Amino acid sequence: MTRATLFRLLAATAALACSSAAWAGSATSTLSVTATVTGNCTVSTSPVAFGSVNPLSGANVDATGGITVTCTNSTPWAAAAGVGSGTGATFASRVMTASTNTLNYTLYTNSGRTTIWGDGTASTATIAGTGTGSAQSVTIYGRIPSGQTTAPPGSYSDTVTVTVSY
């Protein structure tokens, strides 16, 4: 390659490297981006643990437990409680069992223990709220009424289903 050819080749390469691309025109459009946030809730519970009970004391035995509901912001919710798994249980008189022995108790939505927690039918109430996106804790109030003097010693328990509708 001659010196003149080499010079012309270097000059052409430099011109290409320094030049801007020339655009003939342009076009624009928009890109749509979407999402749908749905109402969702979760629920967890903490037990109502009455501890040691003396049925001969002649006094009610009270305890508290709780539910924690987390729902998406602005989602209305209602928490209902079942009657429990004890045979013959009702909302007003749930039944803990120890083998074939029973111990009655009631769950309430208020500290005065006047509003029975249930499914909203008859004389029961549900617990309602509106989601904030954060956990909302609610206290559940339990009572073993006095007068159950025939309950023999044992470890009594029951399981109550909690359902959050939203």
N, C-alpha and C. Protein backbone atom coordinates (compact mmCIF):
# COMPACT_ATOMS: atom_id res chain seq x y z
N MET A 1 0.84 -1.14 0.00
CA MET A 1 0.00 0.00 0.00
C MET A 1 0.91 1.23 0.00
N THR A 2 0.54 2.18 -0.80
CA THR A 2 1.36 3.38 -0.90
C THR A 2 1.03 4.31 0.24
N ARG A 3 1.94 5.23 0.39
CA ARG A 3 1.78 6.20 1.45
C ARG A 3 0.54 7.06 1.21
N ALA A 4 0.23 7.42 0.04
CA ALA A 4 -0.93 8.25 -0.30
C ALA A 4 -2.21 7.47 -0.03
N THR A 5 -2.24 6.17 -0.38
CA THR A 5 -3.41 5.35 -0.14
C THR A 5 -3.63 5.19 1.36
N LEU A 6 -2.55 4.98 2.09
CA LEU A 6 -2.65 4.85 3.53
C LEU A 6 -3.18 6.13 4.15
N PHE A 7 -2.72 7.27 3.67
CA PHE A 7 -3.17 8.56 4.17
C PHE A 7 -4.65 8.75 3.91
N ARG A 8 -5.13 8.41 2.68
CA ARG A 8 -6.55 8.55 2.36
C ARG A 8 -7.40 7.60 3.21
N LEU A 9 -6.89 6.40 3.49
CA LEU A 9 -7.62 5.44 4.31
C LEU A 9 -7.74 5.94 5.75
N LEU A 10 -6.68 6.47 6.30
CA LEU A 10 -6.71 7.02 7.65
C LEU A 10 -7.64 8.23 7.73
N ALA A 11 -7.62 9.08 6.70
CA ALA A 11 -8.48 10.26 6.67
C ALA A 11 -9.95 9.85 6.63
N ALA A 12 -10.28 8.84 5.84
CA ALA A 12 -11.66 8.38 5.73
C ALA A 12 -12.12 7.78 7.06
N THR A 13 -11.26 7.01 7.70
CA THR A 13 -11.60 6.41 8.99
C THR A 13 -11.83 7.48 10.04
N ALA A 14 -10.99 8.50 10.05
CA ALA A 14 -11.14 9.60 11.00
C ALA A 14 -12.43 10.36 10.75
N ALA A 15 -12.79 10.56 9.51
CA ALA A 15 -14.01 11.28 9.17
C ALA A 15 -15.24 10.50 9.64
N LEU A 16 -15.20 9.19 9.46
CA LEU A 16 -16.33 8.36 9.91
C LEU A 16 -16.44 8.38 11.44
N ALA A 17 -15.31 8.33 12.12
CA ALA A 17 -15.31 8.30 13.58
C ALA A 17 -15.81 9.61 14.16
N CYS A 18 -15.56 10.72 13.51
CA CYS A 18 -15.93 12.03 14.05
C CYS A 18 -17.31 12.49 13.60
N SER A 19 -17.89 11.89 12.64
CA SER A 19 -19.18 12.37 12.13
C SER A 19 -20.33 11.81 12.97
N SER A 20 -21.43 12.57 13.06
CA SER A 20 -22.63 12.13 13.75
C SER A 20 -23.52 11.43 12.74
N ALA A 21 -24.33 10.52 13.28
CA ALA A 21 -25.28 9.87 12.38
C ALA A 21 -26.35 10.87 11.99
N ALA A 22 -26.69 10.90 10.83
CA ALA A 22 -27.73 11.80 10.34
C ALA A 22 -29.03 11.02 10.27
N TRP A 23 -30.03 11.48 11.04
CA TRP A 23 -31.32 10.79 11.06
C TRP A 23 -32.27 11.48 10.10
N ALA A 24 -33.03 10.69 9.44
CA ALA A 24 -33.96 11.24 8.46
C ALA A 24 -35.25 11.74 9.11
N GLY A 25 -35.62 11.21 10.29
CA GLY A 25 -36.85 11.61 10.97
C GLY A 25 -36.97 10.87 12.30
N SER A 26 -38.11 10.99 12.97
CA SER A 26 -38.35 10.28 14.23
C SER A 26 -39.83 9.96 14.36
N ALA A 27 -40.12 9.03 15.25
CA ALA A 27 -41.51 8.65 15.52
C ALA A 27 -41.61 8.38 17.02
N THR A 28 -42.76 8.64 17.61
CA THR A 28 -42.95 8.39 19.04
C THR A 28 -44.22 7.59 19.26
N SER A 29 -44.28 6.96 20.41
CA SER A 29 -45.46 6.24 20.84
C SER A 29 -45.44 6.20 22.37
N THR A 30 -46.48 5.69 22.99
CA THR A 30 -46.51 5.54 24.44
C THR A 30 -46.58 4.07 24.78
N LEU A 31 -46.04 3.72 25.93
CA LEU A 31 -46.06 2.35 26.44
C LEU A 31 -46.99 2.33 27.64
N SER A 32 -48.04 1.56 27.59
CA SER A 32 -48.98 1.46 28.69
C SER A 32 -48.45 0.46 29.71
N VAL A 33 -48.50 0.85 30.98
CA VAL A 33 -48.09 -0.02 32.08
C VAL A 33 -49.26 -0.08 33.05
N THR A 34 -49.75 -1.31 33.39
CA THR A 34 -50.93 -1.44 34.25
C THR A 34 -50.70 -2.49 35.33
N ALA A 35 -51.47 -2.41 36.38
CA ALA A 35 -51.52 -3.41 37.45
C ALA A 35 -52.87 -3.28 38.14
N THR A 36 -53.35 -4.35 38.70
CA THR A 36 -54.58 -4.34 39.47
C THR A 36 -54.27 -4.83 40.88
N VAL A 37 -54.51 -3.99 41.86
CA VAL A 37 -54.32 -4.38 43.26
C VAL A 37 -55.65 -4.96 43.73
N THR A 38 -55.62 -6.18 44.21
CA THR A 38 -56.84 -6.83 44.69
C THR A 38 -56.91 -6.76 46.21
N GLY A 39 -58.11 -6.81 46.72
CA GLY A 39 -58.30 -6.85 48.17
C GLY A 39 -57.89 -8.22 48.69
N ASN A 40 -57.02 -8.24 49.69
CA ASN A 40 -56.56 -9.48 50.30
C ASN A 40 -56.44 -9.29 51.80
N CYS A 41 -56.63 -10.38 52.53
CA CYS A 41 -56.48 -10.35 53.98
C CYS A 41 -55.82 -11.64 54.46
N THR A 42 -55.13 -11.52 55.61
CA THR A 42 -54.63 -12.68 56.33
C THR A 42 -55.08 -12.53 57.78
N VAL A 43 -55.16 -13.65 58.48
CA VAL A 43 -55.55 -13.62 59.89
C VAL A 43 -54.67 -14.59 60.66
N SER A 44 -54.28 -14.19 61.85
CA SER A 44 -53.59 -15.09 62.78
C SER A 44 -54.23 -14.91 64.15
N THR A 45 -53.97 -15.86 65.04
CA THR A 45 -54.60 -15.82 66.36
C THR A 45 -53.58 -16.01 67.47
N SER A 46 -53.92 -15.54 68.64
CA SER A 46 -53.18 -15.87 69.86
C SER A 46 -54.20 -16.49 70.83
N PRO A 47 -53.82 -17.53 71.54
CA PRO A 47 -54.80 -18.31 72.31
C PRO A 47 -55.41 -17.58 73.49
N VAL A 48 -56.62 -17.99 73.83
CA VAL A 48 -57.26 -17.58 75.07
C VAL A 48 -56.88 -18.68 76.07
N ALA A 49 -55.91 -18.39 76.92
CA ALA A 49 -55.37 -19.38 77.86
C ALA A 49 -55.87 -19.05 79.27
N PHE A 50 -56.81 -19.84 79.76
CA PHE A 50 -57.41 -19.58 81.08
C PHE A 50 -56.48 -19.98 82.23
N GLY A 51 -55.51 -20.81 81.96
CA GLY A 51 -54.62 -21.24 83.04
C GLY A 51 -55.31 -22.21 83.97
N SER A 52 -54.87 -22.24 85.22
CA SER A 52 -55.45 -23.14 86.23
C SER A 52 -56.80 -22.62 86.68
N VAL A 53 -57.77 -23.51 86.73
CA VAL A 53 -59.15 -23.15 87.09
C VAL A 53 -59.57 -23.93 88.32
N ASN A 54 -60.10 -23.25 89.33
CA ASN A 54 -60.66 -23.88 90.52
C ASN A 54 -62.17 -23.77 90.42
N PRO A 55 -62.85 -24.84 90.01
CA PRO A 55 -64.31 -24.75 89.84
C PRO A 55 -65.07 -24.58 91.15
N LEU A 56 -64.39 -24.76 92.28
CA LEU A 56 -65.06 -24.61 93.57
C LEU A 56 -64.99 -23.18 94.11
N SER A 57 -64.27 -22.29 93.41
CA SER A 57 -64.08 -20.93 93.91
C SER A 57 -65.35 -20.09 93.88
N GLY A 58 -66.29 -20.45 93.05
CA GLY A 58 -67.53 -19.67 92.94
C GLY A 58 -67.37 -18.40 92.13
N ALA A 59 -66.23 -18.26 91.43
CA ALA A 59 -65.98 -17.04 90.63
C ALA A 59 -65.80 -17.39 89.15
N ASN A 60 -66.20 -16.44 88.32
CA ASN A 60 -65.89 -16.59 86.89
C ASN A 60 -64.38 -16.57 86.70
N VAL A 61 -63.90 -17.21 85.65
CA VAL A 61 -62.48 -17.16 85.31
C VAL A 61 -62.39 -16.47 83.95
N ASP A 62 -61.70 -15.35 83.91
CA ASP A 62 -61.57 -14.56 82.68
C ASP A 62 -60.17 -14.65 82.11
N ALA A 63 -60.07 -14.54 80.79
CA ALA A 63 -58.78 -14.52 80.09
C ALA A 63 -58.97 -13.79 78.77
N THR A 64 -57.87 -13.41 78.17
CA THR A 64 -57.93 -12.77 76.85
C THR A 64 -57.00 -13.48 75.88
N GLY A 65 -57.31 -13.34 74.63
CA GLY A 65 -56.49 -13.81 73.53
C GLY A 65 -56.60 -12.76 72.44
N GLY A 66 -56.40 -13.16 71.20
CA GLY A 66 -56.55 -12.15 70.17
C GLY A 66 -56.50 -12.68 68.77
N ILE A 67 -56.87 -11.80 67.86
CA ILE A 67 -56.72 -12.06 66.43
C ILE A 67 -55.94 -10.88 65.85
N THR A 68 -55.20 -11.15 64.81
CA THR A 68 -54.50 -10.10 64.08
C THR A 68 -54.89 -10.23 62.61
N VAL A 69 -55.47 -9.17 62.09
CA VAL A 69 -55.95 -9.14 60.71
C VAL A 69 -55.10 -8.15 59.93
N THR A 70 -54.59 -8.58 58.79
CA THR A 70 -53.85 -7.69 57.90
C THR A 70 -54.54 -7.72 56.54
N CYS A 71 -55.04 -6.57 56.11
CA CYS A 71 -55.73 -6.46 54.82
C CYS A 71 -55.12 -5.33 54.00
N THR A 72 -55.26 -5.44 52.70
CA THR A 72 -54.81 -4.36 51.84
C THR A 72 -55.56 -3.08 52.21
N ASN A 73 -54.91 -1.97 51.98
CA ASN A 73 -55.45 -0.66 52.35
C ASN A 73 -56.86 -0.48 51.78
N SER A 74 -57.76 0.01 52.60
CA SER A 74 -59.15 0.34 52.25
C SER A 74 -60.04 -0.88 52.03
N THR A 75 -59.57 -2.07 52.37
CA THR A 75 -60.39 -3.28 52.20
C THR A 75 -61.21 -3.51 53.47
N PRO A 76 -62.54 -3.44 53.38
CA PRO A 76 -63.37 -3.73 54.55
C PRO A 76 -63.32 -5.23 54.87
N TRP A 77 -63.30 -5.57 56.16
CA TRP A 77 -63.25 -6.97 56.57
C TRP A 77 -64.15 -7.19 57.78
N ALA A 78 -64.53 -8.46 57.98
CA ALA A 78 -65.30 -8.86 59.16
C ALA A 78 -64.78 -10.22 59.61
N ALA A 79 -64.51 -10.36 60.91
CA ALA A 79 -64.01 -11.61 61.48
C ALA A 79 -65.13 -12.29 62.26
N ALA A 80 -65.42 -13.53 61.88
CA ALA A 80 -66.44 -14.33 62.55
C ALA A 80 -65.77 -15.50 63.25
N ALA A 81 -66.43 -16.01 64.28
CA ALA A 81 -65.93 -17.16 65.02
C ALA A 81 -66.95 -18.28 64.97
N GLY A 82 -66.48 -19.50 64.80
CA GLY A 82 -67.36 -20.67 64.86
C GLY A 82 -67.68 -21.01 66.31
N VAL A 83 -68.51 -22.03 66.51
CA VAL A 83 -68.90 -22.42 67.86
C VAL A 83 -67.83 -23.26 68.55
N GLY A 84 -66.87 -23.77 67.80
CA GLY A 84 -65.85 -24.64 68.38
C GLY A 84 -66.16 -26.09 68.06
N SER A 85 -65.29 -26.96 68.53
CA SER A 85 -65.40 -28.38 68.17
C SER A 85 -66.05 -29.23 69.25
N GLY A 86 -66.39 -28.63 70.39
CA GLY A 86 -67.02 -29.40 71.48
C GLY A 86 -68.44 -29.80 71.14
N THR A 87 -68.80 -31.02 71.44
CA THR A 87 -70.15 -31.53 71.16
C THR A 87 -71.19 -30.71 71.91
N GLY A 88 -72.19 -30.26 71.19
CA GLY A 88 -73.29 -29.50 71.78
C GLY A 88 -72.98 -28.03 71.98
N ALA A 89 -71.85 -27.56 71.49
CA ALA A 89 -71.46 -26.16 71.68
C ALA A 89 -72.40 -25.21 70.95
N THR A 90 -72.59 -24.04 71.55
CA THR A 90 -73.31 -22.94 70.92
C THR A 90 -72.43 -21.71 71.08
N PHE A 91 -72.79 -20.62 70.43
CA PHE A 91 -72.01 -19.40 70.60
C PHE A 91 -72.02 -18.94 72.06
N ALA A 92 -73.16 -19.05 72.71
CA ALA A 92 -73.29 -18.58 74.09
C ALA A 92 -72.64 -19.53 75.09
N SER A 93 -72.48 -20.78 74.71
CA SER A 93 -71.88 -21.77 75.62
C SER A 93 -71.02 -22.73 74.81
N ARG A 94 -69.78 -22.28 74.54
CA ARG A 94 -68.84 -23.16 73.86
C ARG A 94 -68.36 -24.21 74.86
N VAL A 95 -67.75 -25.30 74.33
CA VAL A 95 -67.42 -26.43 75.18
C VAL A 95 -65.96 -26.86 74.98
N MET A 96 -65.18 -26.78 76.07
CA MET A 96 -63.85 -27.39 76.08
C MET A 96 -64.01 -28.82 76.59
N THR A 97 -63.16 -29.71 76.09
CA THR A 97 -63.24 -31.10 76.53
C THR A 97 -61.89 -31.61 77.02
N ALA A 98 -61.97 -32.56 77.93
CA ALA A 98 -60.83 -33.34 78.39
C ALA A 98 -61.35 -34.77 78.42
N SER A 99 -61.04 -35.52 77.39
CA SER A 99 -61.60 -36.85 77.20
C SER A 99 -63.11 -36.70 77.06
N THR A 100 -63.89 -37.28 77.96
CA THR A 100 -65.35 -37.15 77.88
C THR A 100 -65.89 -36.06 78.80
N ASN A 101 -65.02 -35.39 79.53
CA ASN A 101 -65.42 -34.33 80.45
C ASN A 101 -65.50 -32.99 79.71
N THR A 102 -66.35 -32.11 80.19
CA THR A 102 -66.55 -30.82 79.52
C THR A 102 -66.45 -29.64 80.50
N LEU A 103 -66.09 -28.50 79.93
CA LEU A 103 -66.03 -27.24 80.67
C LEU A 103 -66.53 -26.15 79.73
N ASN A 104 -67.59 -25.45 80.12
CA ASN A 104 -68.20 -24.44 79.26
C ASN A 104 -67.47 -23.11 79.38
N TYR A 105 -67.48 -22.36 78.28
CA TYR A 105 -66.88 -21.02 78.25
C TYR A 105 -67.56 -20.21 77.16
N THR A 106 -67.30 -18.91 77.14
CA THR A 106 -67.87 -18.02 76.13
C THR A 106 -66.79 -17.05 75.67
N LEU A 107 -66.85 -16.66 74.41
CA LEU A 107 -65.94 -15.66 73.85
C LEU A 107 -66.72 -14.38 73.56
N TYR A 108 -66.10 -13.24 73.86
CA TYR A 108 -66.76 -11.95 73.70
C TYR A 108 -65.89 -10.99 72.89
N THR A 109 -66.54 -9.97 72.34
CA THR A 109 -65.81 -8.95 71.58
C THR A 109 -65.49 -7.71 72.42
N ASN A 110 -66.03 -7.64 73.65
CA ASN A 110 -65.80 -6.44 74.47
C ASN A 110 -65.34 -6.84 75.87
N SER A 111 -64.64 -5.90 76.52
CA SER A 111 -64.07 -6.18 77.83
C SER A 111 -65.13 -6.38 78.91
N GLY A 112 -66.32 -5.82 78.73
CA GLY A 112 -67.41 -6.02 79.68
C GLY A 112 -68.05 -7.40 79.55
N ARG A 113 -67.62 -8.13 78.53
CA ARG A 113 -68.10 -9.49 78.27
C ARG A 113 -69.63 -9.54 78.17
N THR A 114 -70.16 -8.63 77.34
CA THR A 114 -71.60 -8.59 77.10
C THR A 114 -71.97 -8.89 75.65
N THR A 115 -71.00 -8.79 74.74
CA THR A 115 -71.27 -9.05 73.32
C THR A 115 -70.58 -10.33 72.91
N ILE A 116 -71.37 -11.37 72.61
CA ILE A 116 -70.82 -12.68 72.27
C ILE A 116 -70.26 -12.64 70.85
N TRP A 117 -69.05 -13.16 70.71
CA TRP A 117 -68.43 -13.23 69.39
C TRP A 117 -68.92 -14.48 68.67
N GLY A 118 -69.46 -14.28 67.47
CA GLY A 118 -69.98 -15.40 66.68
C GLY A 118 -69.93 -15.07 65.21
N ASP A 119 -71.01 -15.41 64.52
CA ASP A 119 -71.06 -15.19 63.07
C ASP A 119 -72.01 -14.06 62.67
N GLY A 120 -72.47 -13.31 63.66
CA GLY A 120 -73.37 -12.19 63.37
C GLY A 120 -74.83 -12.56 63.36
N THR A 121 -75.15 -13.84 63.57
CA THR A 121 -76.55 -14.24 63.61
C THR A 121 -77.04 -14.22 65.04
N ALA A 122 -78.35 -14.23 65.18
CA ALA A 122 -79.02 -14.22 66.49
C ALA A 122 -78.44 -13.09 67.33
N SER A 123 -77.94 -13.39 68.51
CA SER A 123 -77.43 -12.34 69.39
C SER A 123 -75.91 -12.31 69.42
N THR A 124 -75.27 -12.69 68.32
CA THR A 124 -73.81 -12.66 68.26
C THR A 124 -73.33 -11.54 67.35
N ALA A 125 -72.06 -11.19 67.52
CA ALA A 125 -71.47 -10.12 66.71
C ALA A 125 -70.20 -10.62 66.03
N THR A 126 -69.89 -9.99 64.92
CA THR A 126 -68.59 -10.19 64.29
C THR A 126 -67.73 -8.97 64.64
N ILE A 127 -66.48 -9.06 64.29
CA ILE A 127 -65.56 -7.94 64.51
C ILE A 127 -65.25 -7.37 63.14
N ALA A 128 -65.45 -6.07 62.95
CA ALA A 128 -65.27 -5.47 61.64
C ALA A 128 -64.19 -4.41 61.66
N GLY A 129 -63.60 -4.20 60.50
CA GLY A 129 -62.59 -3.16 60.35
C GLY A 129 -62.36 -2.86 58.88
N THR A 130 -61.43 -1.95 58.64
CA THR A 130 -61.03 -1.60 57.28
C THR A 130 -59.51 -1.70 57.23
N GLY A 131 -59.02 -2.41 56.24
CA GLY A 131 -57.59 -2.63 56.12
C GLY A 131 -56.79 -1.36 55.93
N THR A 132 -55.58 -1.38 56.48
CA THR A 132 -54.66 -0.25 56.35
C THR A 132 -53.37 -0.67 55.65
N GLY A 133 -53.25 -1.97 55.38
CA GLY A 133 -52.00 -2.50 54.85
C GLY A 133 -51.07 -2.96 55.96
N SER A 134 -51.42 -2.63 57.21
CA SER A 134 -50.65 -3.05 58.38
C SER A 134 -51.50 -3.99 59.24
N ALA A 135 -50.84 -4.70 60.14
CA ALA A 135 -51.54 -5.62 61.03
C ALA A 135 -52.43 -4.84 62.00
N GLN A 136 -53.65 -5.33 62.18
CA GLN A 136 -54.60 -4.75 63.12
C GLN A 136 -54.92 -5.81 64.17
N SER A 137 -54.55 -5.56 65.41
CA SER A 137 -54.76 -6.53 66.49
C SER A 137 -56.04 -6.22 67.24
N VAL A 138 -56.79 -7.27 67.54
CA VAL A 138 -58.06 -7.14 68.26
C VAL A 138 -58.03 -8.12 69.43
N THR A 139 -58.40 -7.66 70.60
CA THR A 139 -58.46 -8.52 71.79
C THR A 139 -59.76 -9.31 71.80
N ILE A 140 -59.65 -10.59 72.15
CA ILE A 140 -60.81 -11.46 72.33
C ILE A 140 -60.90 -11.75 73.83
N TYR A 141 -62.09 -11.64 74.39
CA TYR A 141 -62.30 -11.80 75.82
C TYR A 141 -63.02 -13.12 76.09
N GLY A 142 -62.44 -13.94 76.93
CA GLY A 142 -63.04 -15.23 77.26
C GLY A 142 -63.47 -15.29 78.71
N ARG A 143 -64.48 -16.13 78.98
CA ARG A 143 -64.94 -16.33 80.36
C ARG A 143 -65.40 -17.77 80.55
N ILE A 144 -64.90 -18.39 81.62
CA ILE A 144 -65.46 -19.66 82.10
C ILE A 144 -66.38 -19.27 83.24
N PRO A 145 -67.69 -19.48 83.06
CA PRO A 145 -68.61 -19.06 84.12
C PRO A 145 -68.49 -19.94 85.36
N SER A 146 -68.76 -19.33 86.50
CA SER A 146 -68.74 -20.08 87.76
C SER A 146 -69.86 -21.11 87.77
N GLY A 147 -69.83 -21.97 88.76
CA GLY A 147 -70.91 -22.95 88.93
C GLY A 147 -70.67 -24.29 88.26
N GLN A 148 -69.50 -24.50 87.69
CA GLN A 148 -69.21 -25.77 87.03
C GLN A 148 -68.43 -26.69 87.98
N THR A 149 -69.00 -26.91 89.14
CA THR A 149 -68.32 -27.62 90.23
C THR A 149 -68.11 -29.10 89.96
N THR A 150 -68.79 -29.67 88.98
CA THR A 150 -68.63 -31.11 88.71
C THR A 150 -67.52 -31.40 87.71
N ALA A 151 -66.84 -30.36 87.20
CA ALA A 151 -65.75 -30.58 86.24
C ALA A 151 -64.56 -31.24 86.95
N PRO A 152 -64.18 -32.46 86.54
CA PRO A 152 -63.04 -33.12 87.18
C PRO A 152 -61.72 -32.54 86.68
N PRO A 153 -60.64 -32.77 87.43
CA PRO A 153 -59.33 -32.29 86.98
C PRO A 153 -58.99 -32.85 85.60
N GLY A 154 -58.29 -32.05 84.81
CA GLY A 154 -57.87 -32.47 83.48
C GLY A 154 -57.41 -31.27 82.68
N SER A 155 -56.89 -31.53 81.52
CA SER A 155 -56.43 -30.49 80.61
C SER A 155 -57.48 -30.32 79.53
N TYR A 156 -58.25 -29.25 79.62
CA TYR A 156 -59.39 -29.01 78.72
C TYR A 156 -58.96 -28.12 77.55
N SER A 157 -59.53 -28.38 76.38
CA SER A 157 -59.21 -27.55 75.22
C SER A 157 -60.35 -27.58 74.21
N ASP A 158 -60.30 -26.63 73.32
CA ASP A 158 -61.27 -26.52 72.22
C ASP A 158 -60.58 -25.79 71.08
N THR A 159 -61.11 -25.93 69.89
CA THR A 159 -60.59 -25.22 68.72
C THR A 159 -61.73 -24.49 68.05
N VAL A 160 -61.56 -23.17 67.90
CA VAL A 160 -62.58 -22.32 67.28
C VAL A 160 -62.03 -21.82 65.95
N THR A 161 -62.80 -21.99 64.90
CA THR A 161 -62.41 -21.52 63.58
C THR A 161 -62.73 -20.04 63.45
N VAL A 162 -61.73 -19.25 63.02
CA VAL A 162 -61.90 -17.82 62.80
C VAL A 162 -61.87 -17.59 61.28
N THR A 163 -62.90 -16.93 60.77
CA THR A 163 -63.02 -16.67 59.35
C THR A 163 -63.10 -15.17 59.11
N VAL A 164 -62.18 -14.66 58.28
CA VAL A 164 -62.21 -13.24 57.91
C VAL A 164 -62.78 -13.15 56.49
N SER A 165 -63.87 -12.42 56.37
CA SER A 165 -64.49 -12.18 55.06
C SER A 165 -64.12 -10.77 54.60
N TYR A 166 -63.84 -10.63 53.32
CA TYR A 166 -63.48 -9.32 52.78
C TYR A 166 -63.93 -9.20 51.34
